[in-house]
Amino acid sequence: MPKEHPQIPGNESQPPEKKLNQNTNDCSEVQFLSLSNGHSELIIEHCGQKYRLIATRHGKLVLNK
């Protein structure tokens, strides 16, 4: 049985991830390793708050405040 995707109002024809990925030209794209200089962690400051972005050994990214 195919996996059902939750619908976004006005987007009944496509799964949400397909619709969201069409606008990649509207933002910058950068590789994590180029930002972190080869490290597995990166500190990001946003609006005076510091966040830690961690690349796990399973290839996932985790953002902690």
C-alpha atoms as a PDB file:
ATOM      1  CA  MET A   1       0.000   0.000   0.000  1.00  0.00           C
ATOM      2  CA  PRO A   2       1.536   3.414  -0.943  1.00  0.00           C
ATOM      3  CA  LYS A   3       2.422   5.812   1.841  1.00  0.00           C
ATOM      4  CA  GLU A   4      -0.131   8.593   2.245  1.00  0.00           C
ATOM      5  CA  HIS A   5       1.243  12.132   2.425  1.00  0.00           C
ATOM      6  CA  PRO A   6      -0.462  14.779   4.551  1.00  0.00           C
ATOM      7  CA  GLN A   7      -1.998  17.392   2.301  1.00  0.00           C
ATOM      8  CA  ILE A   8      -1.270  21.111   2.345  1.00  0.00           C
ATOM      9  CA  PRO A   9      -4.330  23.214   1.495  1.00  0.00           C
ATOM     10  CA  GLY A  10      -4.170  24.138  -2.188  1.00  0.00           C
ATOM     11  CA  ASN A  11      -1.506  21.482  -2.862  1.00  0.00           C
ATOM     12  CA  GLU A  12      -3.603  18.382  -3.330  1.00  0.00           C
ATOM     13  CA  SER A  13      -1.778  17.301  -6.498  1.00  0.00           C
ATOM     14  CA  GLN A  14       1.708  16.753  -5.012  1.00  0.00           C
ATOM     15  CA  PRO A  15       3.195  15.437  -1.755  1.00  0.00           C
ATOM     16  CA  PRO A  16       4.490  18.328   0.453  1.00  0.00           C
ATOM     17  CA  GLU A  17       8.185  17.474   0.017  1.00  0.00           C
ATOM     18  CA  LYS A  18       7.956  17.759  -3.777  1.00  0.00           C
ATOM     19  CA  LYS A  19       6.259  21.164  -3.566  1.00  0.00           C
ATOM     20  CA  LEU A  20       8.706  22.501  -0.961  1.00  0.00           C
ATOM     21  CA  ASN A  21      11.812  21.431  -2.916  1.00  0.00           C
ATOM     22  CA  GLN A  22      10.849  23.393  -6.029  1.00  0.00           C
ATOM     23  CA  ASN A  23      11.985  26.723  -4.526  1.00  0.00           C
ATOM     24  CA  THR A  24      15.653  25.863  -3.907  1.00  0.00           C
ATOM     25  CA  ASN A  25      16.741  28.912  -5.945  1.00  0.00           C
ATOM     26  CA  ASP A  26      15.219  31.184  -3.279  1.00  0.00           C
ATOM     27  CA  CYS A  27      17.886  30.325  -0.695  1.00  0.00           C
ATOM     28  CA  SER A  28      21.603  29.651  -0.377  1.00  0.00           C
ATOM     29  CA  GLU A  29      22.953  26.111  -0.286  1.00  0.00           C
ATOM     30  CA  VAL A  30      26.174  25.217   1.498  1.00  0.00           C
ATOM     31  CA  GLN A  31      27.804  21.948   2.552  1.00  0.00           C
ATOM     32  CA  PHE A  32      27.922  21.312   6.312  1.00  0.00           C
ATOM     33  CA  LEU A  33      31.592  20.258   6.185  1.00  0.00           C
ATOM     34  CA  SER A  34      32.585  23.508   4.481  1.00  0.00           C
ATOM     35  CA  LEU A  35      30.907  25.501   7.266  1.00  0.00           C
ATOM     36  CA  SER A  36      32.306  23.364  10.072  1.00  0.00           C
ATOM     37  CA  ASN A  37      35.833  23.099   8.589  1.00  0.00           C
ATOM     38  CA  GLY A  38      35.656  19.299   8.787  1.00  0.00           C
ATOM     39  CA  HIS A  39      34.412  19.196  12.399  1.00  0.00           C
ATOM     40  CA  SER A  40      31.230  17.412  13.458  1.00  0.00           C
ATOM     41  CA  GLU A  41      29.866  20.411  15.417  1.00  0.00           C
ATOM     42  CA  LEU A  42      29.168  24.015  14.576  1.00  0.00           C
ATOM     43  CA  ILE A  43      28.043  26.907  16.793  1.00  0.00           C
ATOM     44  CA  ILE A  44      25.509  29.226  15.137  1.00  0.00           C
ATOM     45  CA  GLU A  45      24.570  32.587  16.628  1.00  0.00           C
ATOM     46  CA  HIS A  46      21.101  33.848  15.759  1.00  0.00           C
ATOM     47  CA  CYS A  47      19.418  36.884  17.362  1.00  0.00           C
ATOM     48  CA  GLY A  48      21.874  36.826  20.262  1.00  0.00           C
ATOM     49  CA  GLN A  49      21.268  33.122  21.000  1.00  0.00           C
ATOM     50  CA  LYS A  50      23.833  30.371  20.393  1.00  0.00           C
ATOM     51  CA  TYR A  51      22.834  27.066  18.837  1.00  0.00           C
ATOM     52  CA  ARG A  52      24.928  23.924  18.354  1.00  0.00           C
ATOM     53  CA  LEU A  53      24.491  22.069  15.064  1.00  0.00           C
ATOM     54  CA  ILE A  54      25.810  18.517  15.333  1.00  0.00           C
ATOM     55  CA  ALA A  55      26.345  16.011  12.526  1.00  0.00           C
ATOM     56  CA  THR A  56      25.743  12.514  13.890  1.00  0.00           C
ATOM     57  CA  ARG A  57      27.630   9.413  12.761  1.00  0.00           C
ATOM     58  CA  HIS A  58      24.379   8.260  11.136  1.00  0.00           C
ATOM     59  CA  GLY A  59      24.358  11.256   8.784  1.00  0.00           C
ATOM     60  CA  LYS A  60      21.654  13.244  10.593  1.00  0.00           C
ATOM     61  CA  LEU A  61      21.846  16.849  11.790  1.00  0.00           C
ATOM     62  CA  VAL A  62      20.757  17.817  15.309  1.00  0.00           C
ATOM     63  CA  LEU A  63      20.218  21.436  16.375  1.00  0.00           C
ATOM     64  CA  ASN A  64      20.403  22.187  20.115  1.00  0.00           C
ATOM     65  CA  LYS A  65      19.949  25.468  21.933  1.00  0.00           C
END
